Amino acid sequence: MFVRNTEFTRDSGANDIDARTLWHYQAIVVSPNLLSTTPGVGTAYLTSFRDANGGFLDGSKSYRLNVPANTPVKRFWAVTAYDPATHGLLASDCQITVGSQTDPVVNADGSVELYFGQSAPEGFEANWIKTDPSKRFFSVFRLYGPLEGYIEKTWVLNDFELIE
């Protein structure tokens, strides 16, 4: 979510007004802990507006997001869906957040398949976020207490896959 850093400066030391505006529009908060490189400290946010093919996430379509095994977090991870028009939580009559503390179905290899769309695949209701078919959406995947795998980029979250 941060283009460069929490001080919103470029390598030259110049103020990066565009990055600051984008961040404040997104979250209205700045915390140096979002960029912490100390294992187990702070949080990390991975934001997605598009699928693996480059298309915007569309609430009328179905998607799968594979969370690889051994997510490098000290505390927990969670993914939440948002409305891009308001940047508020996605209006839904179902859950809008799934994470390691919500008891998702875990694959034999330790990975977790998350689903976004109008209906959950049978047996994966705990791994499903219902989207609004009349709107696009975006997601934020949060790591609470990111560990070395995230910091060193040896663990990488997969892209959203459109289910056809």
C-alpha atoms as a PDB file:
ATOM      1  CA  MET A   1       0.000   0.000   0.000  1.00  0.00           C
ATOM      2  CA  PHE A   2       2.918   2.336   0.552  1.00  0.00           C
ATOM      3  CA  VAL A   3       4.502   3.481  -2.666  1.00  0.00           C
ATOM      4  CA  ARG A   4       7.790   4.234  -0.944  1.00  0.00           C
ATOM      5  CA  ASN A   5       7.859   4.955   2.822  1.00  0.00           C
ATOM      6  CA  THR A   6       5.915   6.452   5.727  1.00  0.00           C
ATOM      7  CA  GLU A   7       7.758   9.758   5.414  1.00  0.00           C
ATOM      8  CA  PHE A   8       6.478  10.112   1.820  1.00  0.00           C
ATOM      9  CA  THR A   9       9.819  11.143   0.381  1.00  0.00           C
ATOM     10  CA  ARG A  10      11.573  10.039  -2.767  1.00  0.00           C
ATOM     11  CA  ASP A  11      15.173   8.784  -2.811  1.00  0.00           C
ATOM     12  CA  SER A  12      16.215  12.344  -3.657  1.00  0.00           C
ATOM     13  CA  GLY A  13      14.661  13.572  -0.401  1.00  0.00           C
ATOM     14  CA  ALA A  14      11.845  15.409  -2.197  1.00  0.00           C
ATOM     15  CA  ASN A  15       8.313  15.166  -0.815  1.00  0.00           C
ATOM     16  CA  ASP A  16       6.177  12.588  -2.608  1.00  0.00           C
ATOM     17  CA  ILE A  17       2.795  14.311  -2.496  1.00  0.00           C
ATOM     18  CA  ASP A  18       1.117  11.737  -4.787  1.00  0.00           C
ATOM     19  CA  ALA A  19       2.094   8.827  -2.521  1.00  0.00           C
ATOM     20  CA  ARG A  20       0.938  10.717   0.557  1.00  0.00           C
ATOM     21  CA  THR A  21      -2.420  11.539  -1.045  1.00  0.00           C
ATOM     22  CA  LEU A  22      -2.972   7.946  -2.178  1.00  0.00           C
ATOM     23  CA  TRP A  23      -2.159   6.574   1.265  1.00  0.00           C
ATOM     24  CA  HIS A  24      -4.371   9.000   3.137  1.00  0.00           C
ATOM     25  CA  TYR A  25      -7.219   8.333   0.736  1.00  0.00           C
ATOM     26  CA  GLN A  26      -6.745   4.619   1.347  1.00  0.00           C
ATOM     27  CA  ALA A  27      -6.430   4.503   5.105  1.00  0.00           C
ATOM     28  CA  ILE A  28      -6.265   7.935   6.743  1.00  0.00           C
ATOM     29  CA  VAL A  29      -3.416   6.778   8.950  1.00  0.00           C
ATOM     30  CA  VAL A  30       0.350   6.514   8.898  1.00  0.00           C
ATOM     31  CA  SER A  31       2.294   4.145  11.091  1.00  0.00           C
ATOM     32  CA  PRO A  32       5.995   3.354  10.747  1.00  0.00           C
ATOM     33  CA  ASN A  33       5.170  -0.159  12.056  1.00  0.00           C
ATOM     34  CA  LEU A  34       3.533  -0.872   8.702  1.00  0.00           C
ATOM     35  CA  LEU A  35       7.039  -0.883   7.248  1.00  0.00           C
ATOM     36  CA  SER A  36       8.792  -2.602  10.144  1.00  0.00           C
ATOM     37  CA  THR A  37      11.591  -4.986   9.241  1.00  0.00           C
ATOM     38  CA  THR A  38      11.735  -6.365  12.776  1.00  0.00           C
ATOM     39  CA  PRO A  39      10.280  -9.889  12.692  1.00  0.00           C
ATOM     40  CA  GLY A  40       7.043 -10.189  14.651  1.00  0.00           C
ATOM     41  CA  VAL A  41       6.526  -6.425  15.001  1.00  0.00           C
ATOM     42  CA  GLY A  42       3.804  -4.329  13.380  1.00  0.00           C
ATOM     43  CA  THR A  43       1.585  -5.311  10.491  1.00  0.00           C
ATOM     44  CA  ALA A  44       1.892  -5.676   6.746  1.00  0.00           C
ATOM     45  CA  TYR A  45      -0.890  -4.964   4.250  1.00  0.00           C
ATOM     46  CA  LEU A  46      -1.084  -6.540   0.811  1.00  0.00           C
ATOM     47  CA  THR A  47      -3.760  -4.906  -1.330  1.00  0.00           C
ATOM     48  CA  SER A  48      -5.309  -6.308  -4.490  1.00  0.00           C
ATOM     49  CA  PHE A  49      -7.604  -4.551  -6.947  1.00  0.00           C
ATOM     50  CA  ARG A  50      -6.959  -6.919  -9.876  1.00  0.00           C
ATOM     51  CA  ASP A  51      -6.854 -10.623 -10.641  1.00  0.00           C
ATOM     52  CA  ALA A  52      -3.942 -12.604 -12.113  1.00  0.00           C
ATOM     53  CA  ASN A  53      -5.090 -11.640 -15.637  1.00  0.00           C
ATOM     54  CA  GLY A  54      -5.060  -7.925 -14.832  1.00  0.00           C
ATOM     55  CA  GLY A  55      -8.845  -7.538 -14.661  1.00  0.00           C
ATOM     56  CA  PHE A  56     -10.421  -5.533 -11.862  1.00  0.00           C
ATOM     57  CA  LEU A  57     -12.014  -7.651  -9.128  1.00  0.00           C
ATOM     58  CA  ASP A  58     -15.700  -7.760 -10.011  1.00  0.00           C
ATOM     59  CA  GLY A  59     -18.354  -8.721  -7.469  1.00  0.00           C
ATOM     60  CA  SER A  60     -20.427 -10.494 -10.117  1.00  0.00           C
ATOM     61  CA  LYS A  61     -17.611 -12.971 -10.810  1.00  0.00           C
ATOM     62  CA  SER A  62     -16.054 -15.732  -8.699  1.00  0.00           C
ATOM     63  CA  TYR A  63     -12.428 -15.820  -7.589  1.00  0.00           C
ATOM     64  CA  ARG A  64     -10.075 -18.083  -5.674  1.00  0.00           C
ATOM     65  CA  LEU A  65      -7.108 -16.846  -3.646  1.00  0.00           C
ATOM     66  CA  ASN A  66      -4.628 -19.492  -2.533  1.00  0.00           C
ATOM     67  CA  VAL A  67      -2.833 -18.568   0.686  1.00  0.00           C
ATOM     68  CA  PRO A  68       0.377 -20.603   0.714  1.00  0.00           C
ATOM     69  CA  ALA A  69       1.182 -22.760   3.724  1.00  0.00           C
ATOM     70  CA  ASN A  70       3.186 -21.456   6.648  1.00  0.00           C
ATOM     71  CA  THR A  71       2.078 -17.849   6.387  1.00  0.00           C
ATOM     72  CA  PRO A  72       4.916 -16.000   8.128  1.00  0.00           C
ATOM     73  CA  VAL A  73       3.100 -14.277  10.999  1.00  0.00           C
ATOM     74  CA  LYS A  74       3.667 -14.129  14.722  1.00  0.00           C
ATOM     75  CA  ARG A  75       0.007 -13.472  15.542  1.00  0.00           C
ATOM     76  CA  PHE A  76      -2.447 -14.109  12.687  1.00  0.00           C
ATOM     77  CA  TRP A  77      -3.448 -13.238   9.126  1.00  0.00           C
ATOM     78  CA  ALA A  78      -6.773 -12.010   7.738  1.00  0.00           C
ATOM     79  CA  VAL A  79      -8.201 -10.866   4.406  1.00  0.00           C
ATOM     80  CA  THR A  80     -11.098  -8.406   4.140  1.00  0.00           C
ATOM     81  CA  ALA A  81     -13.146  -7.194   1.162  1.00  0.00           C
ATOM     82  CA  TYR A  82     -13.807  -3.476   0.598  1.00  0.00           C
ATOM     83  CA  ASP A  83     -15.932  -1.250  -1.620  1.00  0.00           C
ATOM     84  CA  PRO A  84     -13.607   0.784  -3.897  1.00  0.00           C
ATOM     85  CA  ALA A  85     -16.142   3.629  -4.197  1.00  0.00           C
ATOM     86  CA  THR A  86     -16.135   4.350  -0.453  1.00  0.00           C
ATOM     87  CA  HIS A  87     -13.056   2.456   0.735  1.00  0.00           C
ATOM     88  CA  GLY A  88     -15.357   1.165   3.466  1.00  0.00           C
ATOM     89  CA  LEU A  89     -16.116  -2.422   4.312  1.00  0.00           C
ATOM     90  CA  LEU A  90     -17.991  -4.299   1.628  1.00  0.00           C
ATOM     91  CA  ALA A  91     -21.721  -4.285   2.421  1.00  0.00           C
ATOM     92  CA  SER A  92     -22.694  -7.928   2.780  1.00  0.00           C
ATOM     93  CA  ASP A  93     -25.106 -10.105   4.689  1.00  0.00           C
ATOM     94  CA  CYS A  94     -22.270 -12.622   5.136  1.00  0.00           C
ATOM     95  CA  GLN A  95     -18.723 -12.511   6.447  1.00  0.00           C
ATOM     96  CA  ILE A  96     -16.379 -10.005   4.830  1.00  0.00           C
ATOM     97  CA  THR A  97     -13.224 -11.217   6.580  1.00  0.00           C
ATOM     98  CA  VAL A  98     -11.614 -14.648   6.592  1.00  0.00           C
ATOM     99  CA  GLY A  99      -8.386 -15.426   8.365  1.00  0.00           C
ATOM    100  CA  SER A 100      -6.343 -17.793  10.412  1.00  0.00           C
ATOM    101  CA  GLN A 101      -8.505 -17.049  13.469  1.00  0.00           C
ATOM    102  CA  THR A 102     -11.825 -17.769  11.724  1.00  0.00           C
ATOM    103  CA  ASP A 103     -11.089 -21.503  11.374  1.00  0.00           C
ATOM    104  CA  PRO A 104     -10.945 -21.790   7.581  1.00  0.00           C
ATOM    105  CA  VAL A 105     -10.726 -25.162   5.865  1.00  0.00           C
ATOM    106  CA  VAL A 106      -7.021 -25.931   5.460  1.00  0.00           C
ATOM    107  CA  ASN A 107      -5.681 -28.061   2.601  1.00  0.00           C
ATOM    108  CA  ALA A 108      -3.526 -31.144   3.300  1.00  0.00           C
ATOM    109  CA  ASP A 109      -0.407 -29.156   2.307  1.00  0.00           C
ATOM    110  CA  GLY A 110      -1.239 -26.380   4.805  1.00  0.00           C
ATOM    111  CA  SER A 111      -2.388 -23.860   2.204  1.00  0.00           C
ATOM    112  CA  VAL A 112      -5.831 -22.237   2.378  1.00  0.00           C
ATOM    113  CA  GLU A 113      -8.177 -21.652  -0.570  1.00  0.00           C
ATOM    114  CA  LEU A 114     -10.252 -18.492  -0.144  1.00  0.00           C
ATOM    115  CA  TYR A 115     -13.285 -17.817  -2.328  1.00  0.00           C
ATOM    116  CA  PHE A 116     -14.917 -14.530  -3.319  1.00  0.00           C
ATOM    117  CA  GLY A 117     -18.224 -14.308  -5.191  1.00  0.00           C
ATOM    118  CA  GLN A 118     -21.941 -14.979  -4.965  1.00  0.00           C
ATOM    119  CA  SER A 119     -21.768 -18.462  -3.500  1.00  0.00           C
ATOM    120  CA  ALA A 120     -19.346 -20.655  -1.618  1.00  0.00           C
ATOM    121  CA  PRO A 121     -18.107 -23.929  -3.062  1.00  0.00           C
ATOM    122  CA  GLU A 122     -19.633 -26.783  -1.086  1.00  0.00           C
ATOM    123  CA  GLY A 123     -17.600 -27.461   2.040  1.00  0.00           C
ATOM    124  CA  PHE A 124     -15.767 -24.114   1.876  1.00  0.00           C
ATOM    125  CA  GLU A 125     -18.366 -21.802   3.411  1.00  0.00           C
ATOM    126  CA  ALA A 126     -15.859 -20.816   6.138  1.00  0.00           C
ATOM    127  CA  ASN A 127     -13.406 -19.749   3.410  1.00  0.00           C
ATOM    128  CA  TRP A 128     -15.866 -17.578   1.478  1.00  0.00           C
ATOM    129  CA  ILE A 129     -16.481 -13.842   1.253  1.00  0.00           C
ATOM    130  CA  LYS A 130     -19.733 -12.859  -0.463  1.00  0.00           C
ATOM    131  CA  THR A 131     -19.354  -9.971  -2.886  1.00  0.00           C
ATOM    132  CA  ASP A 132     -21.889  -7.495  -4.275  1.00  0.00           C
ATOM    133  CA  PRO A 133     -22.706  -8.454  -7.893  1.00  0.00           C
ATOM    134  CA  SER A 134     -23.341  -4.812  -8.808  1.00  0.00           C
ATOM    135  CA  LYS A 135     -19.908  -3.560  -7.680  1.00  0.00           C
ATOM    136  CA  ARG A 136     -16.214  -4.095  -7.968  1.00  0.00           C
ATOM    137  CA  PHE A 137     -14.274  -4.821  -4.792  1.00  0.00           C
ATOM    138  CA  PHE A 138     -10.726  -4.858  -3.508  1.00  0.00           C
ATOM    139  CA  SER A 139      -9.072  -6.811  -0.747  1.00  0.00           C
ATOM    140  CA  VAL A 140      -6.493  -6.199   1.929  1.00  0.00           C
ATOM    141  CA  PHE A 141      -4.524  -9.181   3.200  1.00  0.00           C
ATOM    142  CA  ARG A 142      -3.068  -8.325   6.618  1.00  0.00           C
ATOM    143  CA  LEU A 143      -0.211 -10.030   8.369  1.00  0.00           C
ATOM    144  CA  TYR A 144      -0.185  -9.262  12.098  1.00  0.00           C
ATOM    145  CA  GLY A 145       3.398  -9.604  13.262  1.00  0.00           C
ATOM    146  CA  PRO A 146       5.020 -10.430   9.901  1.00  0.00           C
ATOM    147  CA  LEU A 147       8.033 -12.726  10.137  1.00  0.00           C
ATOM    148  CA  GLU A 148      11.170 -13.247   8.051  1.00  0.00           C
ATOM    149  CA  GLY A 149       9.428 -15.038   5.173  1.00  0.00           C
ATOM    150  CA  TYR A 150       7.381 -11.938   4.440  1.00  0.00           C
ATOM    151  CA  ILE A 151      10.122  -9.436   5.230  1.00  0.00           C
ATOM    152  CA  GLU A 152      12.677 -11.264   3.074  1.00  0.00           C
ATOM    153  CA  LYS A 153      10.072 -12.001   0.355  1.00  0.00           C
ATOM    154  CA  THR A 154      10.618 -15.769   0.432  1.00  0.00           C
ATOM    155  CA  TRP A 155       6.882 -16.237   1.098  1.00  0.00           C
ATOM    156  CA  VAL A 156       4.681 -14.693  -1.586  1.00  0.00           C
ATOM    157  CA  LEU A 157       0.886 -14.431  -1.593  1.00  0.00           C
ATOM    158  CA  ASN A 158      -0.670 -15.710  -4.817  1.00  0.00           C
ATOM    159  CA  ASP A 159      -2.813 -13.581  -7.153  1.00  0.00           C
ATOM    160  CA  PHE A 160      -6.603 -13.798  -7.335  1.00  0.00           C
ATOM    161  CA  GLU A 161      -7.655 -16.420  -9.910  1.00  0.00           C
ATOM    162  CA  LEU A 162     -10.847 -15.901 -11.867  1.00  0.00           C
ATOM    163  CA  ILE A 163     -13.012 -19.039 -11.648  1.00  0.00           C
ATOM    164  CA  GLU A 164     -14.748 -19.624 -14.960  1.00  0.00           C
END
